[in-house]
Amino acid sequence: MVYGYLGNMISYEGELDIDSKLNNFLKITGILNNVFRPQKTLKKTTIKLYNALALPVLLYGSETGTIKARDARRITAAEMKYMRRTAGYTWTDYRTNAQIAKELKITPVLDKLLEYQRNWVQHVNRMSRNRLPRVMKHYCPTCRRNHGRPLERLMDM
């Protein structure tokens, strides 16, 4: 079962939040590429549109989530797909992601995401001790789990 809540997809089966954010991000960058052709639009303008329209879709609610290595690769690939086209390169031009980011004077999305997470942790640490986010950050279970296989049904408990 999947629930949409405040722009995030919540599911019991697996991580759908990153998938939906990446799909929306790719839709927006595709629309930007079609409407504002990189060959006819200034790079500065396309980067401002990217920062205003596409990045918030990808970064919304990312302060508290965890990013797996697979997700990090997918996010970087989606970002560079747009940036390569903005810079006027194809993937056969043998330009690294770092060279393109340096040429366009942008910071990678993953760096911004890690900065957001660091800011959130600092914010939680500044909270009073009885606030729920701080309590959950420093939570340590006091009891031990039973050995063996977990019970399968609620009635077995």
N, C-alpha and C. Protein backbone atom coordinates (compact mmCIF):
# COMPACT_ATOMS: atom_id res chain seq x y z
N MET A 1 0.84 -1.17 0.00
CA MET A 1 0.00 0.00 0.00
C MET A 1 0.89 1.24 0.00
N VAL A 2 0.55 2.22 -0.80
CA VAL A 2 1.35 3.43 -0.97
C VAL A 2 0.50 4.64 -0.58
N TYR A 3 1.10 5.53 0.19
CA TYR A 3 0.44 6.76 0.61
C TYR A 3 1.26 7.95 0.17
N GLY A 4 0.59 8.97 -0.32
CA GLY A 4 1.25 10.23 -0.61
C GLY A 4 0.98 11.19 0.53
N TYR A 5 2.04 11.70 1.15
CA TYR A 5 1.89 12.60 2.28
C TYR A 5 2.91 13.72 2.17
N LEU A 6 2.45 14.96 2.04
CA LEU A 6 3.29 16.15 1.94
C LEU A 6 4.35 16.02 0.85
N GLY A 7 3.98 15.47 -0.27
CA GLY A 7 4.89 15.35 -1.40
C GLY A 7 5.80 14.14 -1.36
N ASN A 8 5.73 13.34 -0.30
CA ASN A 8 6.56 12.15 -0.18
C ASN A 8 5.68 10.91 -0.32
N MET A 9 6.25 9.88 -0.92
CA MET A 9 5.54 8.62 -1.08
C MET A 9 5.97 7.69 0.05
N ILE A 10 5.01 7.22 0.82
CA ILE A 10 5.29 6.33 1.95
C ILE A 10 4.75 4.96 1.61
N SER A 11 5.61 3.93 1.79
CA SER A 11 5.23 2.58 1.43
C SER A 11 5.84 1.60 2.41
N TYR A 12 5.16 0.48 2.62
CA TYR A 12 5.70 -0.58 3.46
C TYR A 12 6.58 -1.53 2.68
N GLU A 13 6.45 -1.57 1.36
CA GLU A 13 7.19 -2.52 0.55
C GLU A 13 8.63 -2.10 0.30
N GLY A 14 8.89 -0.83 0.11
CA GLY A 14 10.23 -0.38 -0.21
C GLY A 14 10.28 1.12 -0.40
N GLU A 15 11.41 1.58 -0.88
CA GLU A 15 11.62 3.00 -1.08
C GLU A 15 10.98 3.45 -2.39
N LEU A 16 9.87 4.12 -2.30
CA LEU A 16 9.22 4.68 -3.47
C LEU A 16 9.39 6.18 -3.53
N ASP A 17 9.85 6.77 -2.45
CA ASP A 17 9.98 8.21 -2.37
C ASP A 17 11.01 8.71 -3.38
N ILE A 18 12.17 8.09 -3.43
CA ILE A 18 13.22 8.51 -4.35
C ILE A 18 12.76 8.31 -5.79
N ASP A 19 12.09 7.19 -6.05
CA ASP A 19 11.60 6.92 -7.41
C ASP A 19 10.64 8.00 -7.88
N SER A 20 9.68 8.36 -7.03
CA SER A 20 8.70 9.37 -7.45
C SER A 20 9.35 10.74 -7.59
N LYS A 21 10.28 11.07 -6.70
CA LYS A 21 10.97 12.36 -6.81
C LYS A 21 11.81 12.42 -8.07
N LEU A 22 12.51 11.33 -8.39
CA LEU A 22 13.32 11.32 -9.61
C LEU A 22 12.46 11.40 -10.86
N ASN A 23 11.33 10.71 -10.87
CA ASN A 23 10.43 10.79 -12.02
C ASN A 23 9.92 12.22 -12.23
N ASN A 24 9.51 12.86 -11.15
CA ASN A 24 9.04 14.24 -11.25
C ASN A 24 10.16 15.18 -11.67
N PHE A 25 11.36 14.95 -11.14
CA PHE A 25 12.52 15.76 -11.49
C PHE A 25 12.83 15.63 -12.99
N LEU A 26 12.81 14.39 -13.49
CA LEU A 26 13.09 14.16 -14.91
C LEU A 26 12.01 14.77 -15.80
N LYS A 27 10.76 14.73 -15.35
CA LYS A 27 9.68 15.38 -16.12
C LYS A 27 9.92 16.88 -16.23
N ILE A 28 10.26 17.50 -15.09
CA ILE A 28 10.46 18.95 -15.08
C ILE A 28 11.66 19.34 -15.92
N THR A 29 12.77 18.62 -15.79
CA THR A 29 13.96 18.95 -16.58
C THR A 29 13.70 18.71 -18.08
N GLY A 30 12.92 17.69 -18.40
CA GLY A 30 12.56 17.47 -19.80
C GLY A 30 11.74 18.61 -20.36
N ILE A 31 10.79 19.10 -19.58
CA ILE A 31 9.98 20.24 -20.01
C ILE A 31 10.86 21.48 -20.17
N LEU A 32 11.78 21.69 -19.22
CA LEU A 32 12.68 22.84 -19.33
C LEU A 32 13.53 22.75 -20.59
N ASN A 33 14.02 21.56 -20.91
CA ASN A 33 14.83 21.38 -22.12
C ASN A 33 14.02 21.61 -23.38
N ASN A 34 12.75 21.22 -23.37
CA ASN A 34 11.91 21.40 -24.56
C ASN A 34 11.47 22.85 -24.75
N VAL A 35 11.15 23.51 -23.65
CA VAL A 35 10.65 24.89 -23.76
C VAL A 35 11.81 25.86 -23.94
N PHE A 36 12.83 25.73 -23.13
CA PHE A 36 14.00 26.61 -23.20
C PHE A 36 15.16 25.82 -23.79
N ARG A 37 15.27 25.84 -25.09
CA ARG A 37 16.33 25.08 -25.77
C ARG A 37 17.70 25.57 -25.32
N PRO A 38 18.57 24.66 -24.88
CA PRO A 38 19.90 25.09 -24.40
C PRO A 38 20.73 25.81 -25.46
N GLN A 39 20.49 25.52 -26.75
CA GLN A 39 21.26 26.18 -27.79
C GLN A 39 20.84 27.64 -27.97
N LYS A 40 19.60 27.96 -27.62
CA LYS A 40 19.07 29.30 -27.84
C LYS A 40 18.90 30.12 -26.56
N THR A 41 19.14 29.50 -25.41
CA THR A 41 18.95 30.17 -24.13
C THR A 41 20.31 30.29 -23.43
N LEU A 42 20.51 31.36 -22.72
CA LEU A 42 21.75 31.54 -21.96
C LEU A 42 21.87 30.47 -20.88
N LYS A 43 23.09 30.01 -20.65
CA LYS A 43 23.33 28.99 -19.62
C LYS A 43 22.92 29.50 -18.25
N LYS A 44 23.19 30.78 -18.01
CA LYS A 44 22.84 31.38 -16.72
C LYS A 44 21.33 31.30 -16.47
N THR A 45 20.55 31.52 -17.52
CA THR A 45 19.09 31.49 -17.40
C THR A 45 18.59 30.08 -17.14
N THR A 46 19.13 29.10 -17.87
CA THR A 46 18.68 27.72 -17.67
C THR A 46 19.06 27.20 -16.29
N ILE A 47 20.20 27.64 -15.77
CA ILE A 47 20.60 27.21 -14.42
C ILE A 47 19.70 27.85 -13.37
N LYS A 48 19.31 29.10 -13.58
CA LYS A 48 18.37 29.74 -12.64
C LYS A 48 17.02 29.04 -12.65
N LEU A 49 16.54 28.66 -13.84
CA LEU A 49 15.29 27.92 -13.92
C LEU A 49 15.41 26.56 -13.25
N TYR A 50 16.53 25.91 -13.44
CA TYR A 50 16.80 24.61 -12.82
C TYR A 50 16.77 24.73 -11.29
N ASN A 51 17.45 25.76 -10.78
CA ASN A 51 17.50 25.96 -9.32
C ASN A 51 16.13 26.32 -8.75
N ALA A 52 15.31 27.03 -9.53
CA ALA A 52 14.01 27.47 -9.02
C ALA A 52 12.92 26.42 -9.19
N LEU A 53 12.98 25.61 -10.25
CA LEU A 53 11.87 24.70 -10.55
C LEU A 53 12.18 23.23 -10.30
N ALA A 54 13.36 22.78 -10.65
CA ALA A 54 13.65 21.35 -10.61
C ALA A 54 14.26 20.90 -9.28
N LEU A 55 15.20 21.67 -8.76
CA LEU A 55 15.87 21.25 -7.52
C LEU A 55 14.93 21.11 -6.32
N PRO A 56 13.99 22.04 -6.10
CA PRO A 56 13.11 21.87 -4.95
C PRO A 56 12.30 20.57 -4.99
N VAL A 57 11.96 20.10 -6.18
CA VAL A 57 11.22 18.83 -6.30
C VAL A 57 12.06 17.68 -5.77
N LEU A 58 13.35 17.70 -6.08
CA LEU A 58 14.23 16.61 -5.68
C LEU A 58 14.65 16.71 -4.22
N LEU A 59 14.79 17.94 -3.71
CA LEU A 59 15.32 18.12 -2.36
C LEU A 59 14.25 18.24 -1.27
N TYR A 60 12.98 18.32 -1.65
CA TYR A 60 11.92 18.49 -0.66
C TYR A 60 11.86 17.28 0.27
N GLY A 61 11.96 17.51 1.55
CA GLY A 61 11.85 16.44 2.53
C GLY A 61 13.07 15.54 2.60
N SER A 62 14.19 15.95 2.03
CA SER A 62 15.36 15.08 2.00
C SER A 62 16.23 15.20 3.25
N GLU A 63 15.88 16.08 4.17
CA GLU A 63 16.69 16.29 5.36
C GLU A 63 16.73 15.05 6.25
N THR A 64 15.62 14.34 6.30
CA THR A 64 15.52 13.23 7.25
C THR A 64 15.67 11.87 6.60
N GLY A 65 15.69 11.80 5.29
CA GLY A 65 15.78 10.50 4.61
C GLY A 65 17.21 10.01 4.50
N THR A 66 17.35 8.73 4.20
CA THR A 66 18.68 8.17 3.96
C THR A 66 18.83 7.92 2.47
N ILE A 67 20.03 8.14 2.00
CA ILE A 67 20.33 7.95 0.58
C ILE A 67 21.26 6.75 0.45
N LYS A 68 20.81 5.75 -0.27
CA LYS A 68 21.64 4.58 -0.54
C LYS A 68 22.57 4.89 -1.71
N ALA A 69 23.60 4.06 -1.89
CA ALA A 69 24.57 4.29 -2.97
C ALA A 69 23.89 4.22 -4.33
N ARG A 70 22.96 3.30 -4.48
CA ARG A 70 22.23 3.17 -5.75
C ARG A 70 21.42 4.44 -6.04
N ASP A 71 20.77 4.97 -5.01
CA ASP A 71 19.99 6.19 -5.17
C ASP A 71 20.89 7.38 -5.49
N ALA A 72 22.07 7.43 -4.86
CA ALA A 72 23.00 8.52 -5.12
C ALA A 72 23.46 8.51 -6.58
N ARG A 73 23.72 7.33 -7.11
CA ARG A 73 24.11 7.22 -8.53
C ARG A 73 22.98 7.67 -9.45
N ARG A 74 21.75 7.29 -9.11
CA ARG A 74 20.61 7.67 -9.93
C ARG A 74 20.37 9.18 -9.89
N ILE A 75 20.52 9.78 -8.72
CA ILE A 75 20.34 11.23 -8.59
C ILE A 75 21.41 11.97 -9.39
N THR A 76 22.65 11.52 -9.27
CA THR A 76 23.74 12.16 -10.02
C THR A 76 23.52 12.02 -11.52
N ALA A 77 23.09 10.84 -11.96
CA ALA A 77 22.85 10.63 -13.39
C ALA A 77 21.73 11.53 -13.90
N ALA A 78 20.66 11.68 -13.13
CA ALA A 78 19.55 12.54 -13.54
C ALA A 78 19.98 14.00 -13.61
N GLU A 79 20.77 14.41 -12.63
CA GLU A 79 21.26 15.79 -12.62
C GLU A 79 22.17 16.04 -13.82
N MET A 80 23.08 15.13 -14.07
CA MET A 80 24.06 15.34 -15.14
C MET A 80 23.42 15.22 -16.52
N LYS A 81 22.34 14.50 -16.62
CA LYS A 81 21.62 14.43 -17.90
C LYS A 81 21.18 15.83 -18.31
N TYR A 82 20.66 16.58 -17.36
CA TYR A 82 20.24 17.95 -17.65
C TYR A 82 21.44 18.88 -17.83
N MET A 83 22.44 18.74 -16.97
CA MET A 83 23.59 19.64 -17.01
C MET A 83 24.42 19.47 -18.28
N ARG A 84 24.57 18.24 -18.75
CA ARG A 84 25.31 18.01 -19.99
C ARG A 84 24.62 18.71 -21.16
N ARG A 85 23.32 18.61 -21.21
CA ARG A 85 22.58 19.26 -22.29
C ARG A 85 22.67 20.78 -22.17
N THR A 86 22.63 21.29 -20.94
CA THR A 86 22.75 22.72 -20.73
C THR A 86 24.13 23.23 -21.15
N ALA A 87 25.17 22.45 -20.85
CA ALA A 87 26.53 22.85 -21.20
C ALA A 87 26.83 22.63 -22.69
N GLY A 88 25.98 21.87 -23.37
CA GLY A 88 26.17 21.65 -24.80
C GLY A 88 27.02 20.44 -25.13
N TYR A 89 27.10 19.49 -24.19
CA TYR A 89 27.89 18.28 -24.40
C TYR A 89 26.98 17.06 -24.49
N THR A 90 27.49 16.03 -25.16
CA THR A 90 26.83 14.73 -25.13
C THR A 90 27.71 13.81 -24.29
N TRP A 91 27.22 12.61 -24.03
CA TRP A 91 28.01 11.69 -23.19
C TRP A 91 29.23 11.17 -23.93
N THR A 92 29.30 11.35 -25.25
CA THR A 92 30.48 10.90 -26.00
C THR A 92 31.58 11.95 -26.08
N ASP A 93 31.37 13.11 -25.48
CA ASP A 93 32.38 14.18 -25.52
C ASP A 93 33.47 14.01 -24.46
N TYR A 94 33.38 12.98 -23.66
CA TYR A 94 34.40 12.65 -22.65
C TYR A 94 34.68 13.81 -21.69
N ARG A 95 33.64 14.35 -21.15
CA ARG A 95 33.73 15.37 -20.11
C ARG A 95 33.25 14.74 -18.81
N THR A 96 34.01 14.94 -17.75
CA THR A 96 33.60 14.38 -16.46
C THR A 96 32.52 15.26 -15.84
N ASN A 97 31.83 14.68 -14.88
CA ASN A 97 30.79 15.44 -14.18
C ASN A 97 31.38 16.64 -13.45
N ALA A 98 32.57 16.46 -12.88
CA ALA A 98 33.22 17.55 -12.15
C ALA A 98 33.58 18.70 -13.09
N GLN A 99 34.04 18.38 -14.30
CA GLN A 99 34.38 19.43 -15.26
C GLN A 99 33.14 20.23 -15.67
N ILE A 100 32.05 19.54 -15.88
CA ILE A 100 30.82 20.22 -16.29
C ILE A 100 30.28 21.08 -15.14
N ALA A 101 30.32 20.55 -13.93
CA ALA A 101 29.85 21.31 -12.77
C ALA A 101 30.71 22.55 -12.55
N LYS A 102 32.01 22.41 -12.76
CA LYS A 102 32.91 23.55 -12.59
C LYS A 102 32.67 24.59 -13.68
N GLU A 103 32.43 24.14 -14.90
CA GLU A 103 32.17 25.06 -16.01
C GLU A 103 30.87 25.83 -15.80
N LEU A 104 29.84 25.17 -15.31
CA LEU A 104 28.54 25.82 -15.09
C LEU A 104 28.46 26.52 -13.73
N LYS A 105 29.47 26.31 -12.90
CA LYS A 105 29.54 26.93 -11.56
C LYS A 105 28.34 26.53 -10.69
N ILE A 106 28.09 25.23 -10.62
CA ILE A 106 27.01 24.71 -9.78
C ILE A 106 27.60 23.76 -8.75
N THR A 107 26.88 23.58 -7.66
CA THR A 107 27.25 22.56 -6.69
C THR A 107 26.38 21.34 -6.95
N PRO A 108 26.94 20.14 -6.90
CA PRO A 108 26.15 18.94 -7.16
C PRO A 108 25.00 18.78 -6.18
N VAL A 109 23.95 18.13 -6.62
CA VAL A 109 22.74 17.94 -5.82
C VAL A 109 23.06 17.16 -4.54
N LEU A 110 23.91 16.15 -4.64
CA LEU A 110 24.22 15.35 -3.46
C LEU A 110 24.92 16.18 -2.39
N ASP A 111 25.75 17.13 -2.79
CA ASP A 111 26.39 18.00 -1.81
C ASP A 111 25.36 18.88 -1.11
N LYS A 112 24.39 19.39 -1.88
CA LYS A 112 23.32 20.19 -1.27
C LYS A 112 22.48 19.33 -0.32
N LEU A 113 22.21 18.10 -0.73
CA LEU A 113 21.42 17.19 0.08
C LEU A 113 22.13 16.89 1.40
N LEU A 114 23.44 16.64 1.34
CA LEU A 114 24.20 16.39 2.57
C LEU A 114 24.26 17.62 3.46
N GLU A 115 24.32 18.80 2.85
CA GLU A 115 24.30 20.03 3.63
C GLU A 115 22.96 20.21 4.32
N TYR A 116 21.86 19.90 3.62
CA TYR A 116 20.53 19.96 4.24
C TYR A 116 20.45 19.01 5.42
N GLN A 117 21.00 17.80 5.28
CA GLN A 117 20.95 16.83 6.37
C GLN A 117 21.80 17.30 7.56
N ARG A 118 22.97 17.88 7.29
CA ARG A 118 23.81 18.40 8.38
C ARG A 118 23.08 19.53 9.12
N ASN A 119 22.43 20.40 8.36
CA ASN A 119 21.68 21.50 8.99
C ASN A 119 20.54 20.97 9.84
N TRP A 120 19.87 19.90 9.40
CA TRP A 120 18.78 19.32 10.16
C TRP A 120 19.30 18.71 11.47
N VAL A 121 20.42 18.01 11.42
CA VAL A 121 20.99 17.41 12.63
C VAL A 121 21.38 18.50 13.62
N GLN A 122 21.99 19.58 13.12
CA GLN A 122 22.34 20.69 14.01
C GLN A 122 21.09 21.31 14.61
N HIS A 123 20.02 21.42 13.83
CA HIS A 123 18.76 21.97 14.33
C HIS A 123 18.19 21.08 15.44
N VAL A 124 18.23 19.77 15.23
CA VAL A 124 17.72 18.84 16.24
C VAL A 124 18.56 18.93 17.50
N ASN A 125 19.86 19.07 17.36
CA ASN A 125 20.73 19.17 18.54
C ASN A 125 20.49 20.44 19.33
N ARG A 126 20.01 21.49 18.69
CA ARG A 126 19.71 22.74 19.40
C ARG A 126 18.37 22.69 20.13
N MET A 127 17.54 21.70 19.82
CA MET A 127 16.22 21.60 20.46
C MET A 127 16.37 21.24 21.93
N SER A 128 15.31 21.53 22.71
CA SER A 128 15.32 21.14 24.11
C SER A 128 15.25 19.62 24.22
N ARG A 129 15.68 19.08 25.35
CA ARG A 129 15.82 17.64 25.52
C ARG A 129 14.50 16.87 25.46
N ASN A 130 13.40 17.52 25.75
CA ASN A 130 12.12 16.80 25.78
C ASN A 130 11.39 16.83 24.44
N ARG A 131 11.93 17.48 23.41
CA ARG A 131 11.30 17.50 22.09
C ARG A 131 11.46 16.13 21.42
N LEU A 132 10.41 15.69 20.73
CA LEU A 132 10.37 14.36 20.14
C LEU A 132 11.49 14.07 19.14
N PRO A 133 11.83 14.96 18.20
CA PRO A 133 12.93 14.63 17.28
C PRO A 133 14.26 14.38 17.99
N ARG A 134 14.52 15.15 19.03
CA ARG A 134 15.77 14.95 19.77
C ARG A 134 15.73 13.66 20.57
N VAL A 135 14.58 13.35 21.15
CA VAL A 135 14.44 12.10 21.89
C VAL A 135 14.65 10.91 20.96
N MET A 136 14.06 10.96 19.77
CA MET A 136 14.20 9.86 18.83
C MET A 136 15.62 9.75 18.28
N LYS A 137 16.32 10.85 18.16
CA LYS A 137 17.70 10.81 17.67
C LYS A 137 18.61 10.11 18.65
N HIS A 138 18.36 10.30 19.93
CA HIS A 138 19.21 9.71 20.96
C HIS A 138 18.61 8.46 21.60
N TYR A 139 17.57 7.90 20.97
CA TYR A 139 16.89 6.74 21.53
C TYR A 139 17.78 5.50 21.45
N CYS A 140 17.78 4.75 22.54
CA CYS A 140 18.51 3.48 22.59
C CYS A 140 17.58 2.48 23.29
N PRO A 141 17.20 1.37 22.64
CA PRO A 141 16.28 0.43 23.27
C PRO A 141 16.90 -0.19 24.53
N THR A 142 16.06 -0.41 25.53
CA THR A 142 16.57 -0.94 26.80
C THR A 142 16.39 -2.44 26.91
N CYS A 143 15.48 -3.02 26.18
CA CYS A 143 15.25 -4.46 26.30
C CYS A 143 15.94 -5.19 25.15
N ARG A 144 16.02 -6.50 25.29
CA ARG A 144 16.64 -7.32 24.25
C ARG A 144 15.57 -8.10 23.51
N ARG A 145 15.83 -8.39 22.26
CA ARG A 145 14.89 -9.16 21.46
C ARG A 145 15.08 -10.64 21.75
N ASN A 146 14.02 -11.41 21.50
CA ASN A 146 14.09 -12.86 21.67
C ASN A 146 14.96 -13.47 20.59
N HIS A 147 15.61 -14.59 20.95
CA HIS A 147 16.41 -15.32 19.98
C HIS A 147 15.50 -16.08 19.03
N GLY A 148 16.02 -16.39 17.85
CA GLY A 148 15.27 -17.21 16.92
C GLY A 148 14.45 -16.41 15.94
N ARG A 149 13.66 -17.15 15.21
CA ARG A 149 12.85 -16.55 14.18
C ARG A 149 11.70 -15.76 14.78
N PRO A 150 11.41 -14.57 14.22
CA PRO A 150 10.29 -13.80 14.75
C PRO A 150 8.95 -14.50 14.49
N LEU A 151 7.98 -14.22 15.34
CA LEU A 151 6.66 -14.81 15.16
C LEU A 151 6.02 -14.27 13.89
N GLU A 152 5.30 -15.14 13.19
CA GLU A 152 4.76 -14.78 11.88
C GLU A 152 3.43 -14.04 11.95
N ARG A 153 2.60 -14.38 12.91
CA ARG A 153 1.27 -13.79 12.97
C ARG A 153 1.06 -13.04 14.26
N LEU A 154 0.15 -12.13 14.24
CA LEU A 154 -0.18 -11.39 15.44
C LEU A 154 -0.77 -12.32 16.50
N MET A 155 -1.49 -13.36 16.07
CA MET A 155 -2.12 -14.28 17.03
C MET A 155 -1.09 -15.15 17.74
N ASP A 156 0.11 -15.30 17.20
CA ASP A 156 1.14 -16.12 17.82
C ASP A 156 1.79 -15.42 19.01
N MET A 157 1.55 -14.13 19.16
CA MET A 157 2.24 -13.38 20.21
C MET A 157 1.67 -13.65 21.57
